[in-house]
Amino acid sequence: MKIIKVASRYPCPGPRYKKLGPSSGEEFREWLIKELSEECDMTVDLDDTEGFGSSFLEEAFGGLIRVGIPPDLVKSIKFISHEEPELIDEIQEYIDDEIANNE
């Protein structure tokens, strides 16, 4: 199993797009795609950051669907958040919305 700890690379998650500032959701998504593999069981640990903006989360995870990552692969990503467990539902909603928009 591969565990991606967001805080180790993005301790202070930034805006939606790279053009708006550092540590963006777009940048994180691009990095995450390189880490994804159909053979790999992935967990994303959301704890220990300074907090997430909804635009970062939507771009990072809903954006996976928009750039063509297969929905089954995106839906297989597991999430951990002991600090803000409601983030997991928020992320799942962004993913589900993009899947619905692309059907």
C-alpha atoms as a PDB file:
ATOM      1  CA  MET A   1       0.000   0.000   0.000  1.00  0.00           C
ATOM      2  CA  LYS A   2       1.227   3.474  -0.871  1.00  0.00           C
ATOM      3  CA  ILE A   3       0.469   6.257   1.628  1.00  0.00           C
ATOM      4  CA  ILE A   4       0.609   9.845   0.389  1.00  0.00           C
ATOM      5  CA  LYS A   5       0.939  12.299   3.268  1.00  0.00           C
ATOM      6  CA  VAL A   6      -0.162  15.652   1.863  1.00  0.00           C
ATOM      7  CA  ALA A   7       1.576  17.617   4.642  1.00  0.00           C
ATOM      8  CA  SER A   8       4.992  16.177   3.784  1.00  0.00           C
ATOM      9  CA  ARG A   9       4.927  17.974   0.435  1.00  0.00           C
ATOM     10  CA  TYR A  10       2.202  20.597   0.896  1.00  0.00           C
ATOM     11  CA  PRO A  11       2.110  21.669   4.574  1.00  0.00           C
ATOM     12  CA  CYS A  12       0.145  24.782   3.607  1.00  0.00           C
ATOM     13  CA  PRO A  13      -2.105  23.845   0.652  1.00  0.00           C
ATOM     14  CA  GLY A  14      -2.648  26.800  -1.630  1.00  0.00           C
ATOM     15  CA  PRO A  15      -5.086  27.915  -4.341  1.00  0.00           C
ATOM     16  CA  ARG A  16      -6.742  25.972  -7.163  1.00  0.00           C
ATOM     17  CA  TYR A  17      -4.293  26.768  -9.981  1.00  0.00           C
ATOM     18  CA  LYS A  18      -0.510  27.101 -10.194  1.00  0.00           C
ATOM     19  CA  LYS A  19      -0.873  30.567 -11.740  1.00  0.00           C
ATOM     20  CA  LEU A  20      -2.574  31.744  -8.520  1.00  0.00           C
ATOM     21  CA  GLY A  21       0.220  30.745  -6.173  1.00  0.00           C
ATOM     22  CA  PRO A  22       2.394  27.975  -4.763  1.00  0.00           C
ATOM     23  CA  SER A  23       1.249  24.593  -3.463  1.00  0.00           C
ATOM     24  CA  SER A  24      -1.842  24.591  -5.651  1.00  0.00           C
ATOM     25  CA  GLY A  25      -4.418  21.858  -6.090  1.00  0.00           C
ATOM     26  CA  GLU A  26      -3.408  21.675  -9.752  1.00  0.00           C
ATOM     27  CA  GLU A  27       0.244  21.062  -8.797  1.00  0.00           C
ATOM     28  CA  PHE A  28      -0.734  18.442  -6.215  1.00  0.00           C
ATOM     29  CA  ARG A  29      -2.990  16.676  -8.748  1.00  0.00           C
ATOM     30  CA  GLU A  30      -0.160  16.520 -11.289  1.00  0.00           C
ATOM     31  CA  TRP A  31       2.151  15.014  -8.670  1.00  0.00           C
ATOM     32  CA  LEU A  32      -0.541  12.582  -7.492  1.00  0.00           C
ATOM     33  CA  ILE A  33      -1.068  11.311 -11.045  1.00  0.00           C
ATOM     34  CA  LYS A  34       2.600  10.318 -11.179  1.00  0.00           C
ATOM     35  CA  GLU A  35       2.102   8.325  -7.959  1.00  0.00           C
ATOM     36  CA  LEU A  36      -1.099   6.571  -9.113  1.00  0.00           C
ATOM     37  CA  SER A  37      -0.937   3.069 -10.450  1.00  0.00           C
ATOM     38  CA  GLU A  38      -3.706   0.611 -11.233  1.00  0.00           C
ATOM     39  CA  GLU A  39      -1.785  -2.050  -9.335  1.00  0.00           C
ATOM     40  CA  CYS A  40      -1.244   0.148  -6.292  1.00  0.00           C
ATOM     41  CA  ASP A  41      -3.507   0.501  -3.283  1.00  0.00           C
ATOM     42  CA  MET A  42      -3.257   4.222  -2.407  1.00  0.00           C
ATOM     43  CA  THR A  43      -4.212   6.093   0.746  1.00  0.00           C
ATOM     44  CA  VAL A  44      -4.048   9.893   0.995  1.00  0.00           C
ATOM     45  CA  ASP A  45      -3.453  11.220   4.518  1.00  0.00           C
ATOM     46  CA  LEU A  46      -4.952  14.695   4.850  1.00  0.00           C
ATOM     47  CA  ASP A  47      -3.827  15.421   8.430  1.00  0.00           C
ATOM     48  CA  ASP A  48      -1.158  17.849   9.692  1.00  0.00           C
ATOM     49  CA  THR A  49      -1.619  20.604   7.092  1.00  0.00           C
ATOM     50  CA  GLU A  50      -2.584  24.195   7.859  1.00  0.00           C
ATOM     51  CA  GLY A  51      -5.975  23.510   6.294  1.00  0.00           C
ATOM     52  CA  PHE A  52      -7.528  23.059   2.867  1.00  0.00           C
ATOM     53  CA  GLY A  53      -9.501  25.404   0.702  1.00  0.00           C
ATOM     54  CA  SER A  54     -12.358  23.796  -1.177  1.00  0.00           C
ATOM     55  CA  SER A  55     -10.818  24.921  -4.469  1.00  0.00           C
ATOM     56  CA  PHE A  56      -7.594  23.020  -3.687  1.00  0.00           C
ATOM     57  CA  LEU A  57      -9.522  19.826  -2.888  1.00  0.00           C
ATOM     58  CA  GLU A  58     -11.852  20.085  -5.883  1.00  0.00           C
ATOM     59  CA  GLU A  59      -8.991  20.694  -8.320  1.00  0.00           C
ATOM     60  CA  ALA A  60      -6.793  17.994  -6.804  1.00  0.00           C
ATOM     61  CA  PHE A  61      -9.382  15.226  -6.671  1.00  0.00           C
ATOM     62  CA  GLY A  62     -12.317  16.213  -8.898  1.00  0.00           C
ATOM     63  CA  GLY A  63      -9.669  17.290 -11.380  1.00  0.00           C
ATOM     64  CA  LEU A  64      -8.416  13.708 -11.655  1.00  0.00           C
ATOM     65  CA  ILE A  65     -11.636  12.835 -13.464  1.00  0.00           C
ATOM     66  CA  ARG A  66     -11.442  15.923 -15.708  1.00  0.00           C
ATOM     67  CA  VAL A  67      -7.954  15.001 -16.922  1.00  0.00           C
ATOM     68  CA  GLY A  68      -9.031  11.486 -17.825  1.00  0.00           C
ATOM     69  CA  ILE A  69      -8.024   9.289 -14.908  1.00  0.00           C
ATOM     70  CA  PRO A  70     -10.455   6.325 -14.918  1.00  0.00           C
ATOM     71  CA  PRO A  71     -13.254   6.806 -12.365  1.00  0.00           C
ATOM     72  CA  ASP A  72     -12.715   3.333 -10.898  1.00  0.00           C
ATOM     73  CA  LEU A  73      -9.092   4.179 -10.160  1.00  0.00           C
ATOM     74  CA  VAL A  74      -9.995   7.534  -8.586  1.00  0.00           C
ATOM     75  CA  LYS A  75     -12.761   5.925  -6.501  1.00  0.00           C
ATOM     76  CA  SER A  76     -10.267   3.325  -5.229  1.00  0.00           C
ATOM     77  CA  ILE A  77      -8.175   6.009  -3.472  1.00  0.00           C
ATOM     78  CA  LYS A  78      -8.688   5.864   0.282  1.00  0.00           C
ATOM     79  CA  PHE A  79      -8.505   8.902   2.535  1.00  0.00           C
ATOM     80  CA  ILE A  80      -7.487   9.436   6.162  1.00  0.00           C
ATOM     81  CA  SER A  81      -8.349  12.501   8.213  1.00  0.00           C
ATOM     82  CA  HIS A  82      -8.522  12.247  11.988  1.00  0.00           C
ATOM     83  CA  GLU A  83      -8.386  16.028  12.333  1.00  0.00           C
ATOM     84  CA  GLU A  84     -11.169  16.890   9.874  1.00  0.00           C
ATOM     85  CA  PRO A  85     -13.026  13.705   8.874  1.00  0.00           C
ATOM     86  CA  GLU A  86     -15.642  15.766   7.024  1.00  0.00           C
ATOM     87  CA  LEU A  87     -12.981  16.453   4.357  1.00  0.00           C
ATOM     88  CA  ILE A  88     -13.341  12.869   3.172  1.00  0.00           C
ATOM     89  CA  ASP A  89     -17.042  13.331   2.377  1.00  0.00           C
ATOM     90  CA  GLU A  90     -16.269  16.652   0.693  1.00  0.00           C
ATOM     91  CA  ILE A  91     -13.637  15.040  -1.542  1.00  0.00           C
ATOM     92  CA  GLN A  92     -15.936  12.137  -2.401  1.00  0.00           C
ATOM     93  CA  GLU A  93     -18.615  14.639  -3.404  1.00  0.00           C
ATOM     94  CA  TYR A  94     -16.198  16.447  -5.740  1.00  0.00           C
ATOM     95  CA  ILE A  95     -15.227  13.129  -7.335  1.00  0.00           C
ATOM     96  CA  ASP A  96     -18.851  11.978  -7.685  1.00  0.00           C
ATOM     97  CA  ASP A  97     -19.897  15.329  -9.176  1.00  0.00           C
ATOM     98  CA  GLU A  98     -17.191  15.118 -11.842  1.00  0.00           C
ATOM     99  CA  ILE A  99     -18.076  11.517 -12.656  1.00  0.00           C
ATOM    100  CA  ALA A 100     -21.733  12.563 -13.089  1.00  0.00           C
ATOM    101  CA  ASN A 101     -20.711  15.536 -15.258  1.00  0.00           C
ATOM    102  CA  ASN A 102     -18.679  13.270 -17.538  1.00  0.00           C
ATOM    103  CA  GLU A 103     -21.286  10.559 -18.103  1.00  0.00           C
END
